[in-house]
Amino acid sequence: MAESNDYIVIKAEEDGVNVIGLTRGTDTRFHHSEKLDKNEMMIAQFTEHTSAIKIRGKATLQTSHGEMNNNG
């Protein structure tokens, strides 16, 4: 599976939430990062290059599997 049509909505609940995209393949590496401030939102999607997304900080996530809170 190279791509998914599902989107992930990330809403920062504090300033300085880091969203980091990780590569697909034999070596997992950081390939993109964003910093969100409180109440900023980002919409992300898994692609042929992105196999995982790491989130640091307090954020609310909405996916097709439901809503989750990351408290730090």
C-alpha atoms as a PDB file:
ATOM      1  CA  MET A   1       0.000   0.000   0.000  1.00  0.00           C
ATOM      2  CA  ALA A   2       1.706   3.181  -1.145  1.00  0.00           C
ATOM      3  CA  GLU A   3      -1.019   5.715  -0.426  1.00  0.00           C
ATOM      4  CA  SER A   4      -4.150   6.089   1.627  1.00  0.00           C
ATOM      5  CA  ASN A   5      -7.116   8.309   0.945  1.00  0.00           C
ATOM      6  CA  ASP A   6      -7.595   8.760   4.702  1.00  0.00           C
ATOM      7  CA  TYR A   7      -6.628  12.074   6.221  1.00  0.00           C
ATOM      8  CA  ILE A   8      -5.496  12.807   9.759  1.00  0.00           C
ATOM      9  CA  VAL A   9      -6.510  16.121  11.306  1.00  0.00           C
ATOM     10  CA  ILE A  10      -4.133  17.421  13.984  1.00  0.00           C
ATOM     11  CA  LYS A  11      -5.183  20.328  16.214  1.00  0.00           C
ATOM     12  CA  ALA A  12      -2.562  21.822  18.539  1.00  0.00           C
ATOM     13  CA  GLU A  13      -3.782  22.273  22.109  1.00  0.00           C
ATOM     14  CA  GLU A  14      -0.641  24.261  23.087  1.00  0.00           C
ATOM     15  CA  ASP A  15       2.068  26.299  21.376  1.00  0.00           C
ATOM     16  CA  GLY A  16       5.004  24.406  19.894  1.00  0.00           C
ATOM     17  CA  VAL A  17       3.412  21.075  18.912  1.00  0.00           C
ATOM     18  CA  ASN A  18       5.792  19.248  16.546  1.00  0.00           C
ATOM     19  CA  VAL A  19       4.455  17.111  13.689  1.00  0.00           C
ATOM     20  CA  ILE A  20       7.165  14.988  12.068  1.00  0.00           C
ATOM     21  CA  GLY A  21       6.808  12.877   8.914  1.00  0.00           C
ATOM     22  CA  LEU A  22       8.840   9.661   8.759  1.00  0.00           C
ATOM     23  CA  THR A  23       9.945   8.005   5.524  1.00  0.00           C
ATOM     24  CA  ARG A  24       8.932   4.661   4.120  1.00  0.00           C
ATOM     25  CA  GLY A  25      11.529   2.039   3.214  1.00  0.00           C
ATOM     26  CA  THR A  26      14.377   0.079   4.761  1.00  0.00           C
ATOM     27  CA  ASP A  27      15.716   3.111   6.677  1.00  0.00           C
ATOM     28  CA  THR A  28      13.092   5.128   8.530  1.00  0.00           C
ATOM     29  CA  ARG A  29      14.136   8.788   8.622  1.00  0.00           C
ATOM     30  CA  PHE A  30      12.624  12.176   9.332  1.00  0.00           C
ATOM     31  CA  HIS A  31      11.694  13.882   6.067  1.00  0.00           C
ATOM     32  CA  HIS A  32       9.435  16.760   7.086  1.00  0.00           C
ATOM     33  CA  SER A  33       8.486  18.640  10.234  1.00  0.00           C
ATOM     34  CA  GLU A  34       6.042  21.370  11.155  1.00  0.00           C
ATOM     35  CA  LYS A  35       5.546  23.323  14.363  1.00  0.00           C
ATOM     36  CA  LEU A  36       1.974  24.242  15.269  1.00  0.00           C
ATOM     37  CA  ASP A  37       0.818  26.870  17.746  1.00  0.00           C
ATOM     38  CA  LYS A  38      -2.280  26.572  19.928  1.00  0.00           C
ATOM     39  CA  ASN A  39      -5.483  26.087  17.908  1.00  0.00           C
ATOM     40  CA  GLU A  40      -3.614  25.690  14.599  1.00  0.00           C
ATOM     41  CA  MET A  41      -4.668  22.668  12.590  1.00  0.00           C
ATOM     42  CA  MET A  42      -2.873  20.509  10.059  1.00  0.00           C
ATOM     43  CA  ILE A  43      -4.314  17.909   7.714  1.00  0.00           C
ATOM     44  CA  ALA A  44      -1.905  15.051   6.922  1.00  0.00           C
ATOM     45  CA  GLN A  45      -2.020  11.960   4.732  1.00  0.00           C
ATOM     46  CA  PHE A  46       0.152   8.875   4.383  1.00  0.00           C
ATOM     47  CA  THR A  47       1.853   8.825   0.970  1.00  0.00           C
ATOM     48  CA  GLU A  48       4.402   6.787  -0.946  1.00  0.00           C
ATOM     49  CA  HIS A  49       7.068   8.730   1.004  1.00  0.00           C
ATOM     50  CA  THR A  50       5.409   8.988   4.446  1.00  0.00           C
ATOM     51  CA  SER A  51       4.866   5.806   6.447  1.00  0.00           C
ATOM     52  CA  ALA A  52       4.468   7.302   9.935  1.00  0.00           C
ATOM     53  CA  ILE A  53       3.726  10.598  11.634  1.00  0.00           C
ATOM     54  CA  LYS A  54       5.175  11.492  15.038  1.00  0.00           C
ATOM     55  CA  ILE A  55       3.511  14.155  17.189  1.00  0.00           C
ATOM     56  CA  ARG A  56       5.122  15.849  20.191  1.00  0.00           C
ATOM     57  CA  GLY A  57       3.027  18.056  22.454  1.00  0.00           C
ATOM     58  CA  LYS A  58      -0.620  18.356  23.416  1.00  0.00           C
ATOM     59  CA  ALA A  59      -2.833  17.775  20.394  1.00  0.00           C
ATOM     60  CA  THR A  60      -6.201  16.385  19.362  1.00  0.00           C
ATOM     61  CA  LEU A  61      -6.180  13.947  16.437  1.00  0.00           C
ATOM     62  CA  GLN A  62      -9.134  13.028  14.274  1.00  0.00           C
ATOM     63  CA  THR A  63      -8.899   9.970  12.044  1.00  0.00           C
ATOM     64  CA  SER A  64     -11.306   7.559  10.403  1.00  0.00           C
ATOM     65  CA  HIS A  65     -10.736   5.415  13.526  1.00  0.00           C
ATOM     66  CA  GLY A  66     -11.988   8.130  15.899  1.00  0.00           C
ATOM     67  CA  GLU A  67     -10.670  11.055  17.925  1.00  0.00           C
ATOM     68  CA  MET A  68      -7.643  10.815  20.189  1.00  0.00           C
ATOM     69  CA  ASN A  69      -5.842  13.186  22.533  1.00  0.00           C
ATOM     70  CA  ASN A  70      -2.091  13.324  22.936  1.00  0.00           C
ATOM     71  CA  ASN A  71      -1.376  14.927  26.295  1.00  0.00           C
ATOM     72  CA  GLY A  72       2.292  15.548  25.797  1.00  0.00           C
END
